[in-house]
C-alpha atoms as a PDB file:
ATOM      1  CA  MET A   1     -14.318  25.364 -40.672  1.00  0.00           C
ATOM      2  CA  SER A   2     -11.131  24.385 -38.928  1.00  0.00           C
ATOM      3  CA  ASP A   3      -9.285  26.647 -36.494  1.00  0.00           C
ATOM      4  CA  THR A   4      -6.164  26.616 -38.704  1.00  0.00           C
ATOM      5  CA  ALA A   5      -8.048  27.973 -41.710  1.00  0.00           C
ATOM      6  CA  ALA A   6      -9.522  30.754 -39.654  1.00  0.00           C
ATOM      7  CA  ASN A   7      -6.077  31.868 -38.393  1.00  0.00           C
ATOM      8  CA  ALA A   8      -4.320  31.727 -41.766  1.00  0.00           C
ATOM      9  CA  PRO A   9      -5.150  35.333 -42.823  1.00  0.00           C
ATOM     10  CA  ALA A  10      -4.151  36.672 -39.403  1.00  0.00           C
ATOM     11  CA  LYS A  11      -0.821  34.873 -39.518  1.00  0.00           C
ATOM     12  CA  SER A  12      -0.195  36.033 -43.068  1.00  0.00           C
ATOM     13  CA  SER A  13      -0.828  39.687 -42.218  1.00  0.00           C
ATOM     14  CA  TRP A  14       1.286  39.326 -39.054  1.00  0.00           C
ATOM     15  CA  PHE A  15       4.234  38.086 -41.077  1.00  0.00           C
ATOM     16  CA  LYS A  16       3.725  40.889 -43.631  1.00  0.00           C
ATOM     17  CA  GLY A  17       3.799  43.397 -40.812  1.00  0.00           C
ATOM     18  CA  LEU A  18       6.858  41.768 -39.341  1.00  0.00           C
ATOM     19  CA  LYS A  19       8.628  41.928 -42.700  1.00  0.00           C
ATOM     20  CA  ALA A  20       7.749  45.616 -43.067  1.00  0.00           C
ATOM     21  CA  GLU A  21       9.058  46.460 -39.587  1.00  0.00           C
ATOM     22  CA  TRP A  22      12.231  44.400 -40.179  1.00  0.00           C
ATOM     23  CA  LYS A  23      13.029  46.602 -43.211  1.00  0.00           C
ATOM     24  CA  LYS A  24      12.838  49.718 -41.020  1.00  0.00           C
ATOM     25  CA  ILE A  25      15.665  48.596 -38.720  1.00  0.00           C
ATOM     26  CA  VAL A  26      18.879  50.575 -39.051  1.00  0.00           C
ATOM     27  CA  TRP A  27      21.713  48.257 -38.164  1.00  0.00           C
ATOM     28  CA  PRO A  28      24.930  49.746 -36.726  1.00  0.00           C
ATOM     29  CA  SER A  29      28.188  49.425 -38.659  1.00  0.00           C
ATOM     30  CA  ARG A  30      30.739  46.904 -37.491  1.00  0.00           C
ATOM     31  CA  ASN A  31      32.975  49.724 -36.251  1.00  0.00           C
ATOM     32  CA  THR A  32      30.184  51.342 -34.218  1.00  0.00           C
ATOM     33  CA  LEU A  33      29.153  48.025 -32.783  1.00  0.00           C
ATOM     34  CA  ALA A  34      32.753  47.246 -31.705  1.00  0.00           C
ATOM     35  CA  LYS A  35      33.212  50.646 -30.051  1.00  0.00           C
ATOM     36  CA  GLU A  36      29.922  50.442 -28.174  1.00  0.00           C
ATOM     37  CA  SER A  37      30.636  46.850 -27.066  1.00  0.00           C
ATOM     38  CA  VAL A  38      34.045  47.887 -25.677  1.00  0.00           C
ATOM     39  CA  ALA A  39      32.416  50.800 -23.853  1.00  0.00           C
ATOM     40  CA  VAL A  40      29.849  48.487 -22.275  1.00  0.00           C
ATOM     41  CA  VAL A  41      32.531  46.062 -21.127  1.00  0.00           C
ATOM     42  CA  ILE A  42      34.706  48.835 -19.653  1.00  0.00           C
ATOM     43  CA  ILE A  43      31.769  50.480 -17.827  1.00  0.00           C
ATOM     44  CA  THR A  44      30.691  47.080 -16.490  1.00  0.00           C
ATOM     45  CA  VAL A  45      34.176  46.377 -15.105  1.00  0.00           C
ATOM     46  CA  ILE A  46      34.396  49.821 -13.518  1.00  0.00           C
ATOM     47  CA  LEU A  47      30.977  49.511 -11.888  1.00  0.00           C
ATOM     48  CA  GLY A  48      31.861  45.996 -10.663  1.00  0.00           C
ATOM     49  CA  LEU A  49      34.994  47.347  -9.031  1.00  0.00           C
ATOM     50  CA  LEU A  50      33.096  50.220  -7.425  1.00  0.00           C
ATOM     51  CA  ILE A  51      30.480  47.824  -6.036  1.00  0.00           C
ATOM     52  CA  LYS A  52      33.282  45.601  -4.689  1.00  0.00           C
ATOM     53  CA  LEU A  53      34.945  48.588  -2.982  1.00  0.00           C
ATOM     54  CA  VAL A  54      31.662  49.663  -1.375  1.00  0.00           C
ATOM     55  CA  ASP A  55      31.057  46.080  -0.276  1.00  0.00           C
ATOM     56  CA  LEU A  56      34.511  45.866   1.338  1.00  0.00           C
ATOM     57  CA  GLY A  57      33.925  49.199   3.102  1.00  0.00           C
ATOM     58  CA  VAL A  58      30.565  48.144   4.472  1.00  0.00           C
ATOM     59  CA  GLU A  59      32.075  44.839   5.558  1.00  0.00           C
ATOM     60  CA  GLN A  60      34.871  46.631   7.458  1.00  0.00           C
ATOM     61  CA  ILE A  61      32.415  49.010   9.136  1.00  0.00           C
ATOM     62  CA  LEU A  62      30.117  46.178  10.184  1.00  0.00           C
ATOM     63  CA  GLY A  63      33.172  44.238  11.435  1.00  0.00           C
ATOM     64  CA  LEU A  64      33.924  47.073  13.826  1.00  0.00           C
ATOM     65  CA  PHE A  65      30.424  46.939  15.323  1.00  0.00           C
ATOM     66  CA  LEU A  66      30.017  43.171  15.466  1.00  0.00           C
END
């Protein structure tokens, strides 16, 4: 018996399980996806600016000591 023949039932049941799980997914609406994407971009920019400000502050403090 070849290795491929032995794995055929396992692959078939795996794909059936995958198909069943795929049907359970609840996809967001286009409007919800757009709002959440904008929120992620805004929060990312704000956090980036905060990190930059902290970095500049630490750089200035270290510049005083060095």
